[in-house]
Protein backbone atom coordinates (compact mmCIF):
# COMPACT_ATOMS: atom_id res chain seq x y z
CA MET A 1 33.91 21.19 29.62
CA THR A 2 32.63 22.21 33.05
CA SER A 3 29.86 24.81 33.17
CA ILE A 4 30.42 27.46 35.83
CA PHE A 5 27.71 29.81 37.10
CA VAL A 6 28.84 33.05 38.77
CA SER A 7 26.50 34.51 41.36
CA TYR A 8 27.47 38.07 42.33
CA SER A 9 26.25 41.55 43.17
CA HIS A 10 26.53 44.07 40.34
CA LYS A 11 28.33 46.35 42.79
CA ASP A 12 31.19 43.83 42.63
CA GLU A 13 31.31 43.72 38.84
CA GLN A 14 34.94 44.86 38.73
CA PHE A 15 35.94 41.87 40.88
CA ARG A 16 34.02 39.51 38.59
CA GLU A 17 35.73 40.96 35.53
CA GLU A 18 39.17 40.59 37.11
CA LEU A 19 38.40 37.01 38.09
CA GLU A 20 37.39 36.21 34.52
CA VAL A 21 40.72 37.54 33.24
CA HIS A 22 42.50 35.09 35.54
CA LEU A 23 40.30 32.25 34.29
CA ALA A 24 41.52 32.83 30.74
CA MET A 25 43.84 29.81 30.59
CA LEU A 26 41.14 27.43 31.84
CA LYS A 27 38.89 28.80 29.08
CA ARG A 28 41.61 28.44 26.43
CA GLU A 29 42.17 24.84 27.53
CA GLY A 30 38.47 24.17 27.02
CA SER A 31 38.13 23.20 30.68
CA ILE A 32 35.38 25.63 31.64
CA ASP A 33 32.52 27.70 30.28
CA VAL A 34 31.69 30.64 32.54
CA TRP A 35 28.19 32.08 32.68
CA HIS A 36 26.88 35.17 34.47
CA ASP A 37 23.93 37.44 33.90
CA ARG A 38 25.86 39.79 31.60
CA ARG A 39 25.66 37.01 29.02
CA ILE A 40 21.88 37.16 28.83
CA VAL A 41 20.81 37.70 25.24
CA ALA A 42 18.70 40.75 24.46
CA GLY A 43 15.01 39.90 24.53
CA SER A 44 15.42 36.95 26.89
CA GLU A 45 13.31 36.52 30.01
CA ILE A 46 15.85 37.53 32.65
CA ASN A 47 14.77 35.43 35.65
CA SER A 48 13.99 32.30 33.68
CA THR A 49 17.28 32.58 31.82
CA ILE A 50 19.17 32.75 35.10
CA ASP A 51 17.16 29.78 36.40
CA VAL A 52 18.11 27.65 33.42
CA GLU A 53 21.82 28.42 33.67
CA LEU A 54 21.82 27.88 37.42
CA GLU A 55 20.15 24.49 37.05
CA ARG A 56 22.56 23.25 34.37
CA SER A 57 25.75 24.47 36.08
CA GLU A 58 28.25 22.01 37.52
CA VAL A 59 30.15 24.56 39.63
CA ILE A 60 28.59 27.63 41.23
CA LEU A 61 30.89 30.43 42.35
CA LEU A 62 29.41 32.70 45.01
CA LEU A 63 31.25 36.03 44.98
CA ILE A 64 30.74 37.02 48.60
CA SER A 65 30.76 40.63 49.79
CA PRO A 66 28.62 42.87 52.01
CA ASP A 67 26.56 43.79 48.93
CA PHE A 68 26.11 40.11 48.03
CA LEU A 69 24.83 39.32 51.52
CA ALA A 70 22.51 42.33 51.37
CA SER A 71 21.06 41.32 48.00
CA SER A 72 17.74 39.54 48.40
CA TYR A 73 18.05 37.98 44.95
CA CYS A 74 21.61 36.70 45.45
CA PHE A 75 21.12 35.43 49.00
CA ASP A 76 17.48 34.34 49.09
CA ILE A 77 17.17 32.92 45.59
CA GLU A 78 20.49 32.02 43.97
CA VAL A 79 22.26 30.90 47.14
CA GLN A 80 19.33 28.84 48.39
CA ARG A 81 18.93 27.05 45.06
CA ALA A 82 22.68 26.54 44.74
CA MET A 83 22.87 24.87 48.14
CA GLN A 84 19.85 22.70 47.30
CA LEU A 85 21.50 21.55 44.06
CA ARG A 86 24.68 20.80 46.00
CA SER A 87 22.80 18.75 48.59
CA GLU A 88 21.31 16.72 45.74
CA GLY A 89 24.79 16.03 44.40
CA ASN A 90 24.20 17.98 41.21
CA CYS A 91 26.91 20.64 41.56
CA GLU A 92 29.77 22.01 43.63
CA VAL A 93 29.44 25.37 45.40
CA ILE A 94 32.56 27.46 46.05
CA PRO A 95 32.37 30.68 48.10
CA VAL A 96 34.81 33.32 46.80
CA ILE A 97 35.36 35.99 49.45
CA LEU A 98 35.79 39.36 47.77
CA ARG A 99 35.50 41.80 50.66
CA PRO A 100 35.33 41.55 54.45
CA CYS A 101 31.81 40.65 55.59
CA ASP A 102 29.92 38.42 58.02
CA TRP A 103 29.95 35.42 55.66
CA GLN A 104 30.72 32.93 58.45
CA SER A 105 27.46 33.69 60.24
CA ALA A 106 25.43 30.62 61.19
CA ASN A 107 22.63 32.05 59.03
CA ALA A 108 24.76 31.80 55.89
CA PRO A 109 24.17 28.34 54.37
CA PHE A 110 27.63 28.39 52.76
CA SER A 111 29.49 29.29 55.97
CA LYS A 112 30.68 25.69 56.50
CA LEU A 113 32.13 25.35 53.00
CA LEU A 114 35.84 25.81 52.32
CA ALA A 115 36.14 29.28 50.84
CA VAL A 116 38.71 30.78 48.52
CA PRO A 117 41.18 32.49 48.42
CA ARG A 118 43.36 30.66 50.94
CA ASP A 119 42.08 30.75 54.55
CA GLY A 120 39.06 32.77 53.42
CA ILE A 121 41.12 35.98 53.34
CA PRO A 122 39.11 38.46 51.24
CA VAL A 123 40.56 39.37 47.85
CA SER A 124 40.56 43.05 48.83
CA LYS A 125 42.79 42.31 51.85
CA TRP A 126 45.63 40.71 49.85
CA PRO A 127 48.63 42.99 49.25
CA ASP A 128 48.41 42.14 45.54
CA LYS A 129 44.99 41.18 44.16
CA ASP A 130 46.62 39.20 41.34
CA ASP A 131 48.03 36.81 43.96
CA ALA A 132 44.54 36.36 45.40
CA PHE A 133 42.99 35.58 42.02
CA LEU A 134 45.83 33.21 41.15
CA ASP A 135 45.18 31.32 44.39
CA ILE A 136 41.50 31.08 43.45
CA VAL A 137 42.37 29.69 40.03
CA LYS A 138 44.74 27.10 41.52
CA GLN A 139 42.11 25.89 43.98
CA LEU A 140 39.47 25.85 41.25
CA ARG A 141 41.73 23.62 39.14
CA LYS A 142 41.94 21.16 42.02
CA ALA A 143 38.16 21.23 42.42
CA LEU A 144 37.72 20.57 38.71
CA GLU A 145 40.01 17.53 38.92
CA VAL A 146 37.91 16.08 41.75
CA LEU A 147 34.70 16.92 39.89
CA SER A 148 36.01 15.19 36.76
CA VAL A 149 36.47 11.95 38.69
CA LYS A 150 32.94 12.20 40.11
CA THR A 151 31.24 12.97 36.79
CA ASN A 152 33.06 10.17 35.00
CA SER A 153 31.54 7.71 37.45
CA LYS A 154 27.91 8.74 36.91
CA PRO A 155 25.65 9.72 34.00
CA SER A 156 26.09 13.22 32.69
CA ARG A 157 23.52 15.71 33.90
CA ARG A 158 22.41 18.31 31.40
CA VAL A 159 19.41 20.50 32.09
CA ASN A 160 17.43 21.87 29.18
CA SER A 161 15.08 24.80 29.24
CA THR A 162 12.18 22.36 29.04
CA ASP A 163 13.23 20.76 32.34
CA ILE A 164 12.01 23.74 34.34
CA SER A 165 9.04 26.03 34.11
CA LEU A 166 9.60 28.71 31.47
CA PRO A 167 7.27 31.05 29.62
CA PRO A 168 6.23 29.47 26.30
CA ASN A 169 7.74 32.37 24.34
CA ALA A 170 11.12 32.30 26.15
CA PRO A 171 13.87 32.46 23.46
CA HIS A 172 16.65 29.90 23.18
CA ILE A 173 19.54 31.05 25.38
CA ASP A 174 22.27 28.47 24.97
CA LEU A 175 24.12 30.54 22.37
CA PRO A 176 27.91 30.76 22.09
CA ARG A 177 29.06 34.15 23.28
CA SER A 178 32.33 35.61 24.51
CA SER A 179 32.65 36.85 28.08
CA ASN A 180 35.64 38.93 27.00
CA LEU A 181 33.66 42.16 26.60
CA ARG A 182 35.70 44.53 28.74
CA LEU A 183 36.57 47.94 27.35
CA ALA A 184 39.15 50.34 28.72
CA LYS A 185 37.87 52.63 31.46
CA LYS A 186 38.82 56.27 31.88
CA PHE A 187 39.75 57.70 35.27
CA THR A 188 39.48 61.41 35.99
CA ASP A 189 41.40 63.53 38.50
CA VAL A 190 38.28 63.39 40.67
CA ASP A 191 38.42 59.59 40.67
CA LYS A 192 42.11 59.61 41.62
CA ASP A 193 41.64 62.19 44.40
CA LYS A 194 38.72 60.24 45.89
CA PHE A 195 40.78 57.05 45.70
CA LEU A 196 43.62 58.74 47.63
CA ASP A 197 41.17 60.05 50.25
CA GLU A 198 39.80 56.54 50.79
CA ALA A 199 43.33 55.14 50.93
CA MET A 200 44.29 57.65 53.64
CA LYS A 201 41.25 56.72 55.73
CA TYR A 202 42.22 53.05 55.40
CA PHE A 203 45.84 53.81 56.42
CA GLN A 204 44.63 55.59 59.56
CA ARG A 205 42.45 52.66 60.65
CA PHE A 206 45.15 50.14 59.73
CA PHE A 207 47.92 51.80 61.77
CA GLU A 208 45.73 52.59 64.77
CA LYS A 209 44.51 48.98 65.03
CA SER A 210 47.97 47.54 64.31
CA LEU A 211 49.57 49.60 67.08
CA LEU A 212 46.94 48.43 69.58
CA GLU A 213 47.44 44.80 68.59
CA LEU A 214 51.25 45.13 68.73
CA LYS A 215 51.01 46.45 72.29
CA GLU A 216 48.61 43.72 73.34
CA ARG A 217 50.74 40.89 71.98
CA ASN A 218 54.18 41.98 73.20
CA GLU A 219 55.20 42.50 76.80
CA GLY A 220 57.17 45.69 77.41
CA ILE A 221 55.83 47.34 74.28
CA ASP A 222 53.74 50.49 74.39
CA THR A 223 52.41 52.42 71.41
CA ARG A 224 50.95 55.79 70.59
CA PHE A 225 48.73 56.78 67.69
CA ILE A 226 48.74 60.56 67.09
CA PRO A 227 45.83 61.96 65.02
CA ILE A 228 47.13 65.22 63.54
CA SER A 229 44.41 66.03 61.00
CA ASN A 230 42.24 64.28 58.45
CA ASN A 231 45.30 64.28 56.21
CA ALA A 232 48.02 63.24 58.64
CA PHE A 233 48.81 61.07 61.66
CA GLY A 234 51.86 59.91 63.62
CA CYS A 235 52.91 56.68 65.29
CA VAL A 236 55.38 55.91 68.07
CA ILE A 237 56.45 52.50 69.40
CA TYR A 238 58.11 52.26 72.83
CA ARG A 239 60.07 49.39 74.36
CA ASP A 240 60.41 49.49 78.14
CA GLY A 241 59.42 53.14 78.04
CA LYS A 242 61.96 54.16 75.40
CA SER A 243 60.96 55.34 71.93
CA VAL A 244 62.34 52.80 69.46
CA ALA A 245 60.34 53.42 66.25
CA LYS A 246 58.23 56.24 64.90
CA CYS A 247 56.74 57.55 61.70
CA GLY A 248 54.45 60.16 60.25
CA ILE A 249 52.10 59.59 57.33
CA ARG A 250 50.57 62.43 55.34
CA LEU A 251 48.26 62.86 52.39
CA ASN A 252 50.07 65.24 50.04
CA THR A 253 47.85 67.57 48.06
CA GLY A 254 50.61 68.80 45.74
CA LYS A 255 51.98 71.76 47.71
CA TYR A 256 55.47 70.35 48.33
CA PHE A 257 55.35 67.00 46.56
CA SER A 258 53.19 65.43 43.89
CA LYS A 259 49.87 64.03 45.06
CA GLY A 260 50.21 60.85 47.08
CA ILE A 261 50.71 59.54 50.61
CA SER A 262 54.13 60.14 52.13
CA TYR A 263 56.05 58.38 54.89
CA THR A 264 58.58 60.09 57.16
CA ASN A 265 60.51 59.06 60.26
CA ASP A 266 59.10 62.10 62.11
CA GLU A 267 55.88 61.44 64.03
CA SER A 268 54.77 65.05 63.41
CA ALA A 269 54.41 64.16 59.71
CA PRO A 270 55.91 67.40 58.34
CA GLU A 271 54.62 68.55 54.96
CA ASN A 272 58.06 69.16 53.40
CA THR A 273 59.84 65.88 54.25
CA MET A 274 59.47 62.26 53.22
CA GLN A 275 61.45 59.02 53.13
CA GLU A 276 58.99 57.26 50.84
CA SER A 277 55.80 58.01 48.95
CA ILE A 278 52.92 56.07 47.45
CA SER A 279 50.92 57.45 44.53
CA VAL A 280 47.88 56.50 42.47
CA ASN A 281 48.19 54.80 39.10
CA HIS A 282 45.79 52.87 36.91
CA ASP A 283 45.52 50.36 34.12
CA GLU A 284 42.63 49.92 31.71
CA GLN A 285 40.34 48.60 34.42
CA SER A 286 41.19 49.86 37.90
CA LEU A 287 43.00 52.31 40.13
CA PHE A 288 45.79 51.08 42.41
CA LEU A 289 48.70 52.31 44.52
CA VAL A 290 52.41 52.17 43.65
CA PRO A 291 55.47 52.98 45.85
CA MET A 292 58.09 55.41 44.61
CA GLY A 293 60.83 53.01 45.78
CA MET A 294 62.95 55.48 47.75
CA SER A 295 63.30 53.35 50.87
CA TYR A 296 66.27 51.13 51.61
CA GLY A 297 66.19 47.95 53.67
CA VAL A 298 62.57 47.37 52.67
CA SER A 299 61.70 45.12 49.74
CA GLN A 300 60.59 47.42 46.95
CA ARG A 301 57.52 46.38 45.01
CA SER A 302 56.65 47.11 41.42
CA THR A 303 53.28 45.40 41.78
CA LYS A 304 49.88 47.06 41.97
CA LEU A 305 49.08 47.57 45.64
CA SER A 306 45.65 47.51 47.25
CA PHE A 307 44.90 49.71 50.29
CA ASN A 308 45.92 46.82 52.53
CA GLY A 309 49.08 46.09 50.53
CA ALA A 310 50.19 49.71 50.63
CA SER A 311 49.47 49.90 54.37
CA GLU A 312 51.60 46.79 54.93
CA TYR A 313 54.37 48.37 52.85
CA PHE A 314 54.54 51.41 55.17
CA TRP A 315 54.03 49.26 58.28
CA GLU A 316 57.05 47.17 57.31
CA MET A 317 59.14 50.35 57.15
CA LEU A 318 58.05 51.22 60.70
CA ILE A 319 58.44 47.84 62.36
CA SER A 320 61.31 46.13 60.49
CA PRO A 321 64.11 48.05 62.34
CA LEU A 322 62.47 47.06 65.62
CA GLN A 323 62.26 43.42 64.53
CA ARG A 324 65.95 43.37 63.55
CA GLU A 325 66.92 44.46 67.08
CA GLN A 326 65.41 41.31 68.60
């Protein structure tokens, strides 16, 4: 069984919990034992406990995010020791990119390592986070196969608490304990409304930047982003000066339609019209976005969409007719 140490910022705890769910089959197979600081036994010396588990780990997962990079403990202590252990051939270090951040900076000691998910695309940027976590699991399986070959060719390394400096009264910490400790969360109307507000802000940035990039990459194409209000914006795409695609996107507050973000083919984003709508839903652990499924000619999705996934869903509605003309 391979011991895995998870280094993360507590602000990314939801990501860590979701990753652990996806690691369930590897756990059931007896392939891995996952440790993180939430497994520290009451009464244990926190720092020394972490030190012991870090030293005895065979794989160290660094859950990278802006908060991780900003954490002095994560970056200056755990990362530095993890990279030292790797250089000594005592473990493998795998960066897991959770959210967009400057992780490829020359000052980041892990910047040269192959990160997961695929191509280092942050988990939060995948249309469906489950796909991102599945990709991480698949790549971790491959890493475990390589590690198995290496460990079978050299003596097993097992670090005990006596191998490093610990307080004399530090309790024994290598106790069996489940990491399946998640309980259902409750989401209020306030939570859902804030989630929609953040989604709308993301949509605005996504479409404005996408229109600029579309214009830059394609000769004869011009674009226009129309800020209407904090709750609405319009988009127009021109080819050789002629309007060929347009849309309006509006945050609905419940006046005409149920709360959500609506899409219409009118760049003025009228309040009483829509061709498609995306609303907030949730499971026991997180909020997410789901399409109503009114559109035709666009692949309908029943999956849980992130901000990026929902933005791509609407963007496809805008650009797909233009792409079919080519």
